[in-house]
């Protein structure tokens, strides 16, 4: 399975895990080495995707904080005035349906 760009690493596995690996590989007609490589590849890809998702969650969280700060500032009552803050209805794309009462 080695290719020109392949690198060699040595893994030390607990005996129970090694036996499970050998049995699973044998059941499928694979070598233990090829099954181990597949498992490592799949887990690495999953870990990378997980990291990307966590990073994106951080971006979304920050955007929500920024949006909440904007809404808070836009609707704040100016100090010293008895009037309400900015009417968000004037900039909102979607308006509630007229009441039928």
Protein backbone atom coordinates (compact mmCIF):
# COMPACT_ATOMS: atom_id res chain seq x y z
CA UNK A 1 0.00 0.00 0.00
CA UNK A 2 3.01 2.29 0.25
CA UNK A 3 3.37 4.94 -2.41
CA UNK A 4 6.20 7.31 -3.28
CA UNK A 5 4.73 10.00 -1.02
CA UNK A 6 3.86 7.61 1.83
CA UNK A 7 5.51 8.12 5.20
CA UNK A 8 6.13 5.39 7.74
CA UNK A 9 4.78 5.60 11.27
CA UNK A 10 4.67 2.93 13.94
CA UNK A 11 1.66 2.53 16.19
CA UNK A 12 1.62 0.72 19.50
CA UNK A 13 -1.87 -0.60 20.19
CA UNK A 14 -3.24 -2.30 23.27
CA UNK A 15 -3.53 -6.04 22.62
CA UNK A 16 -7.34 -5.99 22.75
CA UNK A 17 -7.56 -3.19 20.18
CA UNK A 18 -5.04 -4.92 17.94
CA UNK A 19 -7.00 -8.16 18.01
CA UNK A 20 -10.21 -6.27 17.15
CA UNK A 21 -8.44 -4.59 14.26
CA UNK A 22 -7.07 -7.87 12.91
CA UNK A 23 -10.44 -9.63 13.21
CA UNK A 24 -12.35 -6.80 11.56
CA UNK A 25 -9.84 -6.62 8.71
CA UNK A 26 -9.87 -10.38 8.21
CA UNK A 27 -13.70 -10.43 8.09
CA UNK A 28 -13.59 -7.96 5.22
CA UNK A 29 -10.66 -9.49 3.39
CA UNK A 30 -8.40 -6.52 4.15
CA UNK A 31 -5.07 -6.20 5.87
CA UNK A 32 -4.95 -4.79 9.36
CA UNK A 33 -2.73 -2.02 8.02
CA UNK A 34 -5.19 -0.95 5.32
CA UNK A 35 -8.06 -0.91 7.83
CA UNK A 36 -5.99 1.16 10.25
CA UNK A 37 -5.16 3.64 7.46
CA UNK A 38 -8.85 3.93 6.52
CA UNK A 39 -9.84 4.47 10.15
CA UNK A 40 -7.19 7.15 10.67
CA UNK A 41 -8.15 8.91 7.40
CA UNK A 42 -11.85 8.94 8.23
CA UNK A 43 -11.29 10.16 11.78
CA UNK A 44 -8.92 12.88 10.62
CA UNK A 45 -11.47 14.14 8.10
CA UNK A 46 -14.19 14.10 10.74
CA UNK A 47 -11.97 16.01 13.18
CA UNK A 48 -11.19 18.64 10.53
CA UNK A 49 -14.89 19.08 9.70
CA UNK A 50 -15.68 19.38 13.40
CA UNK A 51 -13.04 22.10 13.77
CA UNK A 52 -14.51 24.04 10.82
CA UNK A 53 -17.99 23.81 12.34
CA UNK A 54 -16.74 25.06 15.71
CA UNK A 55 -14.98 27.98 13.99
CA UNK A 56 -18.15 28.86 12.08
CA UNK A 57 -20.20 28.72 15.27
CA UNK A 58 -17.84 31.29 16.73
CA UNK A 59 -18.38 33.55 13.72
CA UNK A 60 -22.18 33.20 14.00
CA UNK A 61 -22.07 33.86 17.75
CA UNK A 62 -20.08 37.04 17.20
CA UNK A 63 -22.50 38.19 14.46
CA UNK A 64 -25.44 37.65 16.83
CA UNK A 65 -23.71 39.66 19.54
CA UNK A 66 -23.07 42.46 17.04
CA UNK A 67 -26.70 42.37 15.89
CA UNK A 68 -27.98 42.47 19.47
CA UNK A 69 -25.72 45.44 20.21
CA UNK A 70 -27.01 47.25 17.12
CA UNK A 71 -30.65 46.62 18.04
CA UNK A 72 -29.96 47.76 21.61
CA UNK A 73 -28.35 50.99 20.41
CA UNK A 74 -31.00 51.61 17.75
CA UNK A 75 -33.92 51.20 20.15
CA UNK A 76 -32.36 52.90 23.16
CA UNK A 77 -34.15 55.88 24.63
CA UNK A 78 -31.94 58.94 24.26
CA UNK A 79 -30.87 60.25 27.67
CA UNK A 80 -32.82 63.27 28.80
CA UNK A 81 -35.63 62.74 26.32
CA UNK A 82 -39.03 61.32 27.06
CA UNK A 83 -39.29 59.80 23.60
CA UNK A 84 -38.67 56.21 22.55
CA UNK A 85 -35.73 55.16 20.45
CA UNK A 86 -35.54 54.45 16.75
CA UNK A 87 -38.56 52.73 15.18
CA UNK A 88 -37.21 49.48 13.76
CA UNK A 89 -40.41 49.11 11.72
CA UNK A 90 -39.16 51.86 9.44
CA UNK A 91 -36.16 49.78 8.33
CA UNK A 92 -37.63 46.29 8.57
CA UNK A 93 -38.24 44.55 5.26
CA UNK A 94 -41.09 42.48 6.65
CA UNK A 95 -44.07 44.15 8.25
CA UNK A 96 -46.74 42.39 10.27
CA UNK A 97 -50.03 41.73 8.53
CA UNK A 98 -52.69 44.35 9.27
CA UNK A 99 -54.93 43.40 12.16
CA UNK A 100 -58.40 42.18 11.13
CA UNK A 101 -60.06 43.06 14.44
